[in-house]
Amino acid sequence: MQRHDWGYLTIWEFRVKTGKEQQFEEAYGADGVWAQCFQRGEGYLGTELVRDQKQPGRYLTLDFWISRDAYTHFREQHFAEYEEIDKKCEALTEAEAQIGEFDRAGYANK
């Protein structure tokens, strides 16, 4: 599957603590600990990390999945690991919020 095959997307916003930007980018980037965890899930297609050019310390993660079912199944199977990584990464951020969960318009999930 290719990244353009995505059918489900989760977007999170993070406010990163000053001085923790590099650590955050390493943990949340396309090859970071989160992406490595997600790779254990069938249907995971990749993560993009974007940095706001006007608001220092503001980042978004975009996690691409083949379907909502694939993401839900991953979360159920890897809940403990997900929570462990989340707890470790708390020291890097001041705040985080889920922007939303999106289905790709006009795309039939496979």
PDB file of N, CA and C in Angstrom:
ATOM      1  N   MET A   1       0.834  -1.188   0.000  1.00  0.00           N
ATOM      2  CA  MET A   1       0.000   0.000   0.000  1.00  0.00           C
ATOM      3  C   MET A   1       0.878   1.250   0.000  1.00  0.00           C
ATOM      4  N   GLN A   2       0.408   2.243  -0.662  1.00  0.00           N
ATOM      5  CA  GLN A   2       1.105   3.516  -0.741  1.00  0.00           C
ATOM      6  C   GLN A   2       0.403   4.540   0.150  1.00  0.00           C
ATOM      7  N   ARG A   3       1.119   5.580   0.517  1.00  0.00           N
ATOM      8  CA  ARG A   3       0.560   6.635   1.367  1.00  0.00           C
ATOM      9  C   ARG A   3      -0.705   7.210   0.743  1.00  0.00           C
ATOM     10  N   HIS A   4      -0.759   7.322  -0.582  1.00  0.00           N
ATOM     11  CA  HIS A   4      -1.944   7.909  -1.220  1.00  0.00           C
ATOM     12  C   HIS A   4      -3.172   7.001  -1.113  1.00  0.00           C
ATOM     13  N   ASP A   5      -3.011   5.785  -0.573  1.00  0.00           N
ATOM     14  CA  ASP A   5      -4.132   4.863  -0.384  1.00  0.00           C
ATOM     15  C   ASP A   5      -4.894   5.100   0.922  1.00  0.00           C
ATOM     16  N   TRP A   6      -4.526   6.128   1.665  1.00  0.00           N
ATOM     17  CA  TRP A   6      -5.135   6.301   2.976  1.00  0.00           C
ATOM     18  C   TRP A   6      -6.638   6.534   2.883  1.00  0.00           C
ATOM     19  N   GLY A   7      -7.323   6.021   3.909  1.00  0.00           N
ATOM     20  CA  GLY A   7      -8.756   6.211   4.019  1.00  0.00           C
ATOM     21  C   GLY A   7      -9.156   6.841   5.341  1.00  0.00           C
ATOM     22  N   TYR A   8      -8.179   6.926   6.289  1.00  0.00           N
ATOM     23  CA  TYR A   8      -8.457   7.452   7.625  1.00  0.00           C
ATOM     24  C   TYR A   8      -7.226   8.215   8.105  1.00  0.00           C
ATOM     25  N   LEU A   9      -7.465   9.352   8.740  1.00  0.00           N
ATOM     26  CA  LEU A   9      -6.393  10.229   9.183  1.00  0.00           C
ATOM     27  C   LEU A   9      -6.712  10.774  10.565  1.00  0.00           C
ATOM     28  N   THR A  10      -5.726  10.727  11.456  1.00  0.00           N
ATOM     29  CA  THR A  10      -5.877  11.387  12.753  1.00  0.00           C
ATOM     30  C   THR A  10      -4.888  12.549  12.790  1.00  0.00           C
ATOM     31  N   ILE A  11      -5.331  13.674  13.337  1.00  0.00           N
ATOM     32  CA  ILE A  11      -4.479  14.855  13.435  1.00  0.00           C
ATOM     33  C   ILE A  11      -4.455  15.321  14.891  1.00  0.00           C
ATOM     34  N   TRP A  12      -3.232  15.501  15.395  1.00  0.00           N
ATOM     35  CA  TRP A  12      -3.022  15.990  16.751  1.00  0.00           C
ATOM     36  C   TRP A  12      -2.211  17.280  16.695  1.00  0.00           C
ATOM     37  N   GLU A  13      -2.522  18.191  17.614  1.00  0.00           N
ATOM     38  CA  GLU A  13      -1.773  19.432  17.764  1.00  0.00           C
ATOM     39  C   GLU A  13      -0.977  19.365  19.061  1.00  0.00           C
ATOM     40  N   PHE A  14       0.269  19.825  19.001  1.00  0.00           N
ATOM     41  CA  PHE A  14       1.145  19.827  20.167  1.00  0.00           C
ATOM     42  C   PHE A  14       1.773  21.195  20.349  1.00  0.00           C
ATOM     43  N   ARG A  15       1.893  21.599  21.594  1.00  0.00           N
ATOM     44  CA  ARG A  15       2.656  22.785  21.985  1.00  0.00           C
ATOM     45  C   ARG A  15       3.884  22.243  22.719  1.00  0.00           C
ATOM     46  N   VAL A  16       5.033  22.391  22.079  1.00  0.00           N
ATOM     47  CA  VAL A  16       6.270  21.792  22.575  1.00  0.00           C
ATOM     48  C   VAL A  16       6.984  22.749  23.522  1.00  0.00           C
ATOM     49  N   LYS A  17       7.520  22.214  24.601  1.00  0.00           N
ATOM     50  CA  LYS A  17       8.261  23.021  25.560  1.00  0.00           C
ATOM     51  C   LYS A  17       9.508  23.592  24.899  1.00  0.00           C
ATOM     52  N   THR A  18       9.815  24.833  25.228  1.00  0.00           N
ATOM     53  CA  THR A  18      11.003  25.486  24.705  1.00  0.00           C
ATOM     54  C   THR A  18      12.235  24.659  25.060  1.00  0.00           C
ATOM     55  N   GLY A  19      13.080  24.435  24.068  1.00  0.00           N
ATOM     56  CA  GLY A  19      14.291  23.658  24.262  1.00  0.00           C
ATOM     57  C   GLY A  19      14.118  22.161  24.040  1.00  0.00           C
ATOM     58  N   LYS A  20      12.877  21.714  23.842  1.00  0.00           N
ATOM     59  CA  LYS A  20      12.590  20.283  23.637  1.00  0.00           C
ATOM     60  C   LYS A  20      12.226  19.968  22.183  1.00  0.00           C
ATOM     61  N   GLU A  21      12.360  20.956  21.305  1.00  0.00           N
ATOM     62  CA  GLU A  21      11.921  20.790  19.922  1.00  0.00           C
ATOM     63  C   GLU A  21      12.623  19.628  19.208  1.00  0.00           C
ATOM     64  N   GLN A  22      13.928  19.530  19.336  1.00  0.00           N
ATOM     65  CA  GLN A  22      14.651  18.466  18.639  1.00  0.00           C
ATOM     66  C   GLN A  22      14.232  17.089  19.151  1.00  0.00           C
ATOM     67  N   GLN A  23      14.118  16.943  20.455  1.00  0.00           N
ATOM     68  CA  GLN A  23      13.666  15.665  21.029  1.00  0.00           C
ATOM     69  C   GLN A  23      12.259  15.325  20.561  1.00  0.00           C
ATOM     70  N   PHE A  24      11.408  16.336  20.528  1.00  0.00           N
ATOM     71  CA  PHE A  24      10.041  16.129  20.068  1.00  0.00           C
ATOM     72  C   PHE A  24      10.029  15.666  18.613  1.00  0.00           C
ATOM     73  N   GLU A  25      10.765  16.353  17.762  1.00  0.00           N
ATOM     74  CA  GLU A  25      10.802  15.998  16.349  1.00  0.00           C
ATOM     75  C   GLU A  25      11.330  14.575  16.142  1.00  0.00           C
ATOM     76  N   GLU A  26      12.301  14.170  16.939  1.00  0.00           N
ATOM     77  CA  GLU A  26      12.823  12.809  16.844  1.00  0.00           C
ATOM     78  C   GLU A  26      11.769  11.789  17.271  1.00  0.00           C
ATOM     79  N   ALA A  27      11.029  12.072  18.313  1.00  0.00           N
ATOM     80  CA  ALA A  27      10.023  11.129  18.835  1.00  0.00           C
ATOM     81  C   ALA A  27       8.776  11.058  17.967  1.00  0.00           C
ATOM     82  N   TYR A  28       8.356  12.180  17.406  1.00  0.00           N
ATOM     83  CA  TYR A  28       7.084  12.257  16.694  1.00  0.00           C
ATOM     84  C   TYR A  28       7.215  12.266  15.174  1.00  0.00           C
ATOM     85  N   GLY A  29       8.431  12.283  14.674  1.00  0.00           N
ATOM     86  CA  GLY A  29       8.659  12.311  13.237  1.00  0.00           C
ATOM     87  C   GLY A  29       8.371  10.978  12.563  1.00  0.00           C
ATOM     88  N   ALA A  30       8.569  10.940  11.263  1.00  0.00           N
ATOM     89  CA  ALA A  30       8.228   9.774  10.436  1.00  0.00           C
ATOM     90  C   ALA A  30       8.978   8.507  10.839  1.00  0.00           C
ATOM     91  N   ASP A  31      10.127   8.643  11.498  1.00  0.00           N
ATOM     92  CA  ASP A  31      10.898   7.479  11.938  1.00  0.00           C
ATOM     93  C   ASP A  31      10.994   7.395  13.458  1.00  0.00           C
ATOM     94  N   GLY A  32      10.199   8.196  14.152  1.00  0.00           N
ATOM     95  CA  GLY A  32      10.274   8.272  15.599  1.00  0.00           C
ATOM     96  C   GLY A  32       9.610   7.107  16.316  1.00  0.00           C
ATOM     97  N   VAL A  33       9.645   7.174  17.618  1.00  0.00           N
ATOM     98  CA  VAL A  33       9.126   6.098  18.463  1.00  0.00           C
ATOM     99  C   VAL A  33       7.639   5.840  18.206  1.00  0.00           C
ATOM    100  N   TRP A  34       6.887   6.922  17.931  1.00  0.00           N
ATOM    101  CA  TRP A  34       5.461   6.734  17.643  1.00  0.00           C
ATOM    102  C   TRP A  34       5.259   5.979  16.342  1.00  0.00           C
ATOM    103  N   ALA A  35       5.956   6.384  15.293  1.00  0.00           N
ATOM    104  CA  ALA A  35       5.825   5.718  13.998  1.00  0.00           C
ATOM    105  C   ALA A  35       6.267   4.258  14.106  1.00  0.00           C
ATOM    106  N   GLN A  36       7.317   4.000  14.870  1.00  0.00           N
ATOM    107  CA  GLN A  36       7.780   2.625  15.060  1.00  0.00           C
ATOM    108  C   GLN A  36       6.710   1.786  15.750  1.00  0.00           C
ATOM    109  N   CYS A  37       6.038   2.365  16.702  1.00  0.00           N
ATOM    110  CA  CYS A  37       4.939   1.676  17.385  1.00  0.00           C
ATOM    111  C   CYS A  37       3.795   1.419  16.411  1.00  0.00           C
ATOM    112  N   PHE A  38       3.401   2.447  15.670  1.00  0.00           N
ATOM    113  CA  PHE A  38       2.290   2.303  14.728  1.00  0.00           C
ATOM    114  C   PHE A  38       2.574   1.261  13.655  1.00  0.00           C
ATOM    115  N   GLN A  39       3.839   1.101  13.287  1.00  0.00           N
ATOM    116  CA  GLN A  39       4.206   0.140  12.250  1.00  0.00           C
ATOM    117  C   GLN A  39       3.836  -1.290  12.629  1.00  0.00           C
ATOM    118  N   ARG A  40       3.591  -1.533  13.882  1.00  0.00           N
ATOM    119  CA  ARG A  40       3.159  -2.858  14.331  1.00  0.00           C
ATOM    120  C   ARG A  40       1.702  -3.136  13.950  1.00  0.00           C
ATOM    121  N   GLY A  41       1.013  -2.089  13.539  1.00  0.00           N
ATOM    122  CA  GLY A  41      -0.396  -2.215  13.174  1.00  0.00           C
ATOM    123  C   GLY A  41      -0.588  -2.429  11.688  1.00  0.00           C
ATOM    124  N   GLU A  42      -1.383  -3.401  11.349  1.00  0.00           N
ATOM    125  CA  GLU A  42      -1.717  -3.626   9.948  1.00  0.00           C
ATOM    126  C   GLU A  42      -2.594  -2.468   9.465  1.00  0.00           C
ATOM    127  N   GLY A  43      -2.242  -1.911   8.347  1.00  0.00           N
ATOM    128  CA  GLY A  43      -3.017  -0.801   7.806  1.00  0.00           C
ATOM    129  C   GLY A  43      -2.440   0.566   8.097  1.00  0.00           C
ATOM    130  N   TYR A  44      -1.325   0.633   8.824  1.00  0.00           N
ATOM    131  CA  TYR A  44      -0.658   1.920   9.072  1.00  0.00           C
ATOM    132  C   TYR A  44       0.129   2.299   7.824  1.00  0.00           C
ATOM    133  N   LEU A  45      -0.017   3.545   7.384  1.00  0.00           N
ATOM    134  CA  LEU A  45       0.625   3.988   6.149  1.00  0.00           C
ATOM    135  C   LEU A  45       1.709   5.040   6.353  1.00  0.00           C
ATOM    136  N   GLY A  46       1.777   5.631   7.526  1.00  0.00           N
ATOM    137  CA  GLY A  46       2.835   6.599   7.779  1.00  0.00           C
ATOM    138  C   GLY A  46       2.370   7.791   8.589  1.00  0.00           C
ATOM    139  N   THR A  47       3.369   8.562   9.023  1.00  0.00           N
ATOM    140  CA  THR A  47       3.137   9.759   9.832  1.00  0.00           C
ATOM    141  C   THR A  47       3.867  10.926   9.204  1.00  0.00           C
ATOM    142  N   GLU A  48       3.229  12.073   9.234  1.00  0.00           N
ATOM    143  CA  GLU A  48       3.861  13.331   8.830  1.00  0.00           C
ATOM    144  C   GLU A  48       3.860  14.243  10.047  1.00  0.00           C
ATOM    145  N   LEU A  49       4.974  14.910  10.269  1.00  0.00           N
ATOM    146  CA  LEU A  49       5.087  15.901  11.337  1.00  0.00           C
ATOM    147  C   LEU A  49       5.306  17.249  10.681  1.00  0.00           C
ATOM    148  N   VAL A  50       4.441  18.211  11.002  1.00  0.00           N
ATOM    149  CA  VAL A  50       4.569  19.551  10.430  1.00  0.00           C
ATOM    150  C   VAL A  50       4.709  20.581  11.545  1.00  0.00           C
ATOM    151  N   ARG A  51       5.502  21.611  11.244  1.00  0.00           N
ATOM    152  CA  ARG A  51       5.817  22.658  12.223  1.00  0.00           C
ATOM    153  C   ARG A  51       5.201  23.968  11.745  1.00  0.00           C
ATOM    154  N   ASP A  52       4.524  24.664  12.635  1.00  0.00           N
ATOM    155  CA  ASP A  52       3.907  25.953  12.315  1.00  0.00           C
ATOM    156  C   ASP A  52       5.003  27.000  12.132  1.00  0.00           C
ATOM    157  N   GLN A  53       4.965  27.711  11.018  1.00  0.00           N
ATOM    158  CA  GLN A  53       5.971  28.729  10.718  1.00  0.00           C
ATOM    159  C   GLN A  53       5.713  30.055  11.439  1.00  0.00           C
ATOM    160  N   LYS A  54       4.497  30.257  11.926  1.00  0.00           N
ATOM    161  CA  LYS A  54       4.165  31.526  12.580  1.00  0.00           C
ATOM    162  C   LYS A  54       4.102  31.418  14.095  1.00  0.00           C
ATOM    163  N   GLN A  55       3.931  30.196  14.614  1.00  0.00           N
ATOM    164  CA  GLN A  55       3.828  29.996  16.058  1.00  0.00           C
ATOM    165  C   GLN A  55       4.903  29.002  16.502  1.00  0.00           C
ATOM    166  N   PRO A  56       6.039  29.496  16.986  1.00  0.00           N
ATOM    167  CA  PRO A  56       7.105  28.593  17.427  1.00  0.00           C
ATOM    168  C   PRO A  56       6.593  27.595  18.472  1.00  0.00           C
ATOM    169  N   GLY A  57       7.030  26.360  18.330  1.00  0.00           N
ATOM    170  CA  GLY A  57       6.647  25.334  19.288  1.00  0.00           C
ATOM    171  C   GLY A  57       5.327  24.652  18.998  1.00  0.00           C
ATOM    172  N   ARG A  58       4.647  25.049  17.928  1.00  0.00           N
ATOM    173  CA  ARG A  58       3.371  24.430  17.564  1.00  0.00           C
ATOM    174  C   ARG A  58       3.605  23.439  16.421  1.00  0.00           C
ATOM    175  N   TYR A  59       3.170  22.207  16.631  1.00  0.00           N
ATOM    176  CA  TYR A  59       3.327  21.141  15.651  1.00  0.00           C
ATOM    177  C   TYR A  59       2.009  20.403  15.466  1.00  0.00           C
ATOM    178  N   LEU A  60       1.866  19.775  14.303  1.00  0.00           N
ATOM    179  CA  LEU A  60       0.766  18.857  14.041  1.00  0.00           C
ATOM    180  C   LEU A  60       1.354  17.522  13.601  1.00  0.00           C
ATOM    181  N   THR A  61       0.727  16.431  14.054  1.00  0.00           N
ATOM    182  CA  THR A  61       1.049  15.119  13.504  1.00  0.00           C
ATOM    183  C   THR A  61      -0.146  14.656  12.690  1.00  0.00           C
ATOM    184  N   LEU A  62       0.156  14.043  11.563  1.00  0.00           N
ATOM    185  CA  LEU A  62      -0.862  13.474  10.686  1.00  0.00           C
ATOM    186  C   LEU A  62      -0.537  11.994  10.550  1.00  0.00           C
ATOM    187  N   ASP A  63      -1.389  11.147  11.082  1.00  0.00           N
ATOM    188  CA  ASP A  63      -1.184   9.697  11.051  1.00  0.00           C
ATOM    189  C   ASP A  63      -2.155   9.086  10.052  1.00  0.00           C
ATOM    190  N   PHE A  64      -1.601   8.451   9.031  1.00  0.00           N
ATOM    191  CA  PHE A  64      -2.373   7.909   7.922  1.00  0.00           C
ATOM    192  C   PHE A  64      -2.587   6.406   8.095  1.00  0.00           C
ATOM    193  N   TRP A  65      -3.835   5.978   7.950  1.00  0.00           N
ATOM    194  CA  TRP A  65      -4.214   4.573   8.070  1.00  0.00           C
ATOM    195  C   TRP A  65      -5.088   4.196   6.874  1.00  0.00           C
ATOM    196  N   ILE A  66      -5.124   2.952   6.559  1.00  0.00           N
ATOM    197  CA  ILE A  66      -5.947   2.485   5.452  1.00  0.00           C
ATOM    198  C   ILE A  66      -7.434   2.649   5.774  1.00  0.00           C
ATOM    199  N   SER A  67      -7.782   2.505   7.077  1.00  0.00           N
ATOM    200  CA  SER A  67      -9.185   2.633   7.490  1.00  0.00           C
ATOM    201  C   SER A  67      -9.273   2.921   8.984  1.00  0.00           C
ATOM    202  N   ARG A  68     -10.431   3.385   9.417  1.00  0.00           N
ATOM    203  CA  ARG A  68     -10.675   3.591  10.842  1.00  0.00           C
ATOM    204  C   ARG A  68     -10.605   2.263  11.582  1.00  0.00           C
ATOM    205  N   ASP A  69     -11.115   1.191  10.966  1.00  0.00           N
ATOM    206  CA  ASP A  69     -11.053  -0.126  11.601  1.00  0.00           C
ATOM    207  C   ASP A  69      -9.609  -0.551  11.881  1.00  0.00           C
ATOM    208  N   ALA A  70      -8.705  -0.285  10.941  1.00  0.00           N
ATOM    209  CA  ALA A  70      -7.291  -0.643  11.137  1.00  0.00           C
ATOM    210  C   ALA A  70      -6.718   0.109  12.326  1.00  0.00           C
ATOM    211  N   TYR A  71      -7.038   1.410  12.439  1.00  0.00           N
ATOM    212  CA  TYR A  71      -6.553   2.213  13.558  1.00  0.00           C
ATOM    213  C   TYR A  71      -7.141   1.718  14.884  1.00  0.00           C
ATOM    214  N   THR A  72      -8.423   1.473  14.896  1.00  0.00           N
ATOM    215  CA  THR A  72      -9.085   0.996  16.113  1.00  0.00           C
ATOM    216  C   THR A  72      -8.517  -0.346  16.549  1.00  0.00           C
ATOM    217  N   HIS A  73      -8.308  -1.237  15.610  1.00  0.00           N
ATOM    218  CA  HIS A  73      -7.735  -2.546  15.912  1.00  0.00           C
ATOM    219  C   HIS A  73      -6.330  -2.389  16.496  1.00  0.00           C
ATOM    220  N   PHE A  74      -5.527  -1.515  15.905  1.00  0.00           N
ATOM    221  CA  PHE A  74      -4.190  -1.248  16.434  1.00  0.00           C
ATOM    222  C   PHE A  74      -4.272  -0.774  17.887  1.00  0.00           C
ATOM    223  N   ARG A  75      -5.114   0.206  18.152  1.00  0.00           N
ATOM    224  CA  ARG A  75      -5.230   0.763  19.510  1.00  0.00           C
ATOM    225  C   ARG A  75      -5.637  -0.300  20.512  1.00  0.00           C
ATOM    226  N   GLU A  76      -6.538  -1.202  20.129  1.00  0.00           N
ATOM    227  CA  GLU A  76      -6.968  -2.276  21.023  1.00  0.00           C
ATOM    228  C   GLU A  76      -5.829  -3.245  21.304  1.00  0.00           C
ATOM    229  N   GLN A  77      -5.071  -3.603  20.285  1.00  0.00           N
ATOM    230  CA  GLN A  77      -4.002  -4.590  20.442  1.00  0.00           C
ATOM    231  C   GLN A  77      -2.772  -4.031  21.137  1.00  0.00           C
ATOM    232  N   HIS A  78      -2.530  -2.740  21.004  1.00  0.00           N
ATOM    233  CA  HIS A  78      -1.283  -2.148  21.505  1.00  0.00           C
ATOM    234  C   HIS A  78      -1.537  -1.038  22.522  1.00  0.00           C
ATOM    235  N   PHE A  79      -2.640  -1.138  23.241  1.00  0.00           N
ATOM    236  CA  PHE A  79      -3.030  -0.092  24.182  1.00  0.00           C
ATOM    237  C   PHE A  79      -1.944   0.191  25.221  1.00  0.00           C
ATOM    238  N   ALA A  80      -1.379  -0.851  25.831  1.00  0.00           N
ATOM    239  CA  ALA A  80      -0.391  -0.667  26.897  1.00  0.00           C
ATOM    240  C   ALA A  80       0.862   0.033  26.368  1.00  0.00           C
ATOM    241  N   GLU A  81       1.333  -0.375  25.216  1.00  0.00           N
ATOM    242  CA  GLU A  81       2.515   0.254  24.625  1.00  0.00           C
ATOM    243  C   GLU A  81       2.227   1.714  24.265  1.00  0.00           C
ATOM    244  N   TYR A  82       1.058   1.969  23.714  1.00  0.00           N
ATOM    245  CA  TYR A  82       0.646   3.322  23.353  1.00  0.00           C
ATOM    246  C   TYR A  82       0.669   4.218  24.597  1.00  0.00           C
ATOM    247  N   GLU A  83       0.079   3.751  25.663  1.00  0.00           N
ATOM    248  CA  GLU A  83       0.024   4.526  26.906  1.00  0.00           C
ATOM    249  C   GLU A  83       1.419   4.752  27.487  1.00  0.00           C
ATOM    250  N   GLU A  84       2.293   3.765  27.393  1.00  0.00           N
ATOM    251  CA  GLU A  84       3.659   3.882  27.912  1.00  0.00           C
ATOM    252  C   GLU A  84       4.439   4.956  27.146  1.00  0.00           C
ATOM    253  N   ILE A  85       4.340   4.955  25.831  1.00  0.00           N
ATOM    254  CA  ILE A  85       5.029   5.962  25.023  1.00  0.00           C
ATOM    255  C   ILE A  85       4.457   7.346  25.314  1.00  0.00           C
ATOM    256  N   ASP A  86       3.146   7.435  25.420  1.00  0.00           N
ATOM    257  CA  ASP A  86       2.490   8.711  25.702  1.00  0.00           C
ATOM    258  C   ASP A  86       2.998   9.292  27.014  1.00  0.00           C
ATOM    259  N   LYS A  87       3.122   8.463  28.022  1.00  0.00           N
ATOM    260  CA  LYS A  87       3.586   8.923  29.337  1.00  0.00           C
ATOM    261  C   LYS A  87       5.034   9.426  29.264  1.00  0.00           C
ATOM    262  N   LYS A  88       5.886   8.701  28.539  1.00  0.00           N
ATOM    263  CA  LYS A  88       7.287   9.105  28.395  1.00  0.00           C
ATOM    264  C   LYS A  88       7.425  10.424  27.646  1.00  0.00           C
ATOM    265  N   CYS A  89       6.557  10.663  26.680  1.00  0.00           N
ATOM    266  CA  CYS A  89       6.654  11.857  25.847  1.00  0.00           C
ATOM    267  C   CYS A  89       5.994  13.084  26.466  1.00  0.00           C
ATOM    268  N   GLU A  90       5.276  12.914  27.550  1.00  0.00           N
ATOM    269  CA  GLU A  90       4.616  14.053  28.204  1.00  0.00           C
ATOM    270  C   GLU A  90       5.597  15.154  28.578  1.00  0.00           C
ATOM    271  N   ALA A  91       6.834  14.793  28.904  1.00  0.00           N
ATOM    272  CA  ALA A  91       7.830  15.770  29.331  1.00  0.00           C
ATOM    273  C   ALA A  91       8.244  16.717  28.207  1.00  0.00           C
ATOM    274  N   LEU A  92       7.892  16.395  26.982  1.00  0.00           N
ATOM    275  CA  LEU A  92       8.293  17.207  25.839  1.00  0.00           C
ATOM    276  C   LEU A  92       7.293  18.302  25.498  1.00  0.00           C
ATOM    277  N   THR A  93       6.076  18.189  26.001  1.00  0.00           N
ATOM    278  CA  THR A  93       5.022  19.108  25.573  1.00  0.00           C
ATOM    279  C   THR A  93       4.375  19.854  26.729  1.00  0.00           C
ATOM    280  N   GLU A  94       3.852  21.013  26.391  1.00  0.00           N
ATOM    281  CA  GLU A  94       3.059  21.803  27.337  1.00  0.00           C
ATOM    282  C   GLU A  94       1.588  21.451  27.214  1.00  0.00           C
ATOM    283  N   ALA A  95       1.178  21.112  25.988  1.00  0.00           N
ATOM    284  CA  ALA A  95      -0.231  20.797  25.732  1.00  0.00           C
ATOM    285  C   ALA A  95      -0.340  19.955  24.474  1.00  0.00           C
ATOM    286  N   GLU A  96      -1.406  19.168  24.416  1.00  0.00           N
ATOM    287  CA  GLU A  96      -1.722  18.417  23.205  1.00  0.00           C
ATOM    288  C   GLU A  96      -3.233  18.298  23.101  1.00  0.00           C
ATOM    289  N   ALA A  97      -3.701  18.261  21.867  1.00  0.00           N
ATOM    290  CA  ALA A  97      -5.139  18.141  21.630  1.00  0.00           C
ATOM    291  C   ALA A  97      -5.356  17.447  20.296  1.00  0.00           C
ATOM    292  N   GLN A  98      -6.327  16.573  20.270  1.00  0.00           N
ATOM    293  CA  GLN A  98      -6.669  15.940  19.009  1.00  0.00           C
ATOM    294  C   GLN A  98      -7.501  16.920  18.197  1.00  0.00           C
ATOM    295  N   ILE A  99      -7.033  17.234  17.004  1.00  0.00           N
ATOM    296  CA  ILE A  99      -7.749  18.139  16.109  1.00  0.00           C
ATOM    297  C   ILE A  99      -8.952  17.415  15.521  1.00  0.00           C
ATOM    298  N   GLY A 100      -8.748  16.146  15.160  1.00  0.00           N
ATOM    299  CA  GLY A 100      -9.868  15.397  14.625  1.00  0.00           C
ATOM    300  C   GLY A 100      -9.455  14.079  14.007  1.00  0.00           C
ATOM    301  N   GLU A 101     -10.493  13.339  13.629  1.00  0.00           N
ATOM    302  CA  GLU A 101     -10.360  12.072  12.928  1.00  0.00           C
ATOM    303  C   GLU A 101     -11.106  12.245  11.615  1.00  0.00           C
ATOM    304  N   PHE A 102     -10.453  11.915  10.502  1.00  0.00           N
ATOM    305  CA  PHE A 102     -10.999  12.228   9.203  1.00  0.00           C
ATOM    306  C   PHE A 102     -11.050  10.998   8.308  1.00  0.00           C
ATOM    307  N   ASP A 103     -12.162  10.877   7.595  1.00  0.00           N
ATOM    308  CA  ASP A 103     -12.285   9.905   6.528  1.00  0.00           C
ATOM    309  C   ASP A 103     -12.005  10.640   5.232  1.00  0.00           C
ATOM    310  N   ARG A 104     -11.383   9.953   4.320  1.00  0.00           N
ATOM    311  CA  ARG A 104     -11.078  10.564   3.024  1.00  0.00           C
ATOM    312  C   ARG A 104     -12.347  10.615   2.178  1.00  0.00           C
ATOM    313  N   ALA A 105     -12.725  11.804   1.774  1.00  0.00           N
ATOM    314  CA  ALA A 105     -13.937  11.987   0.982  1.00  0.00           C
ATOM    315  C   ALA A 105     -13.781  11.308  -0.377  1.00  0.00           C
ATOM    316  N   GLY A 106     -14.801  10.582  -0.760  1.00  0.00           N
ATOM    317  CA  GLY A 106     -14.802   9.928  -2.052  1.00  0.00           C
ATOM    318  C   GLY A 106     -13.922   8.708  -2.154  1.00  0.00           C
ATOM    319  N   TYR A 107     -13.464   8.206  -1.011  1.00  0.00           N
ATOM    320  CA  TYR A 107     -12.571   7.051  -1.004  1.00  0.00           C
ATOM    321  C   TYR A 107     -13.290   5.876  -0.374  1.00  0.00           C
ATOM    322  N   ALA A 108     -13.328   4.783  -1.053  1.00  0.00           N
ATOM    323  CA  ALA A 108     -13.943   3.566  -0.505  1.00  0.00           C
ATOM    324  C   ALA A 108     -12.877   2.776   0.222  1.00  0.00           C
ATOM    325  N   ASN A 109     -13.003   2.649   1.558  1.00  0.00           N
ATOM    326  CA  ASN A 109     -12.021   1.880   2.332  1.00  0.00           C
ATOM    327  C   ASN A 109     -11.971   0.452   1.823  1.00  0.00           C
ATOM    328  N   LYS A 110     -10.756  -0.037   1.722  1.00  0.00           N
ATOM    329  CA  LYS A 110     -10.549  -1.392   1.222  1.00  0.00           C
ATOM    330  C   LYS A 110     -10.567  -2.396   2.346  1.00  0.00           C
TER     331      LYS A 110
END
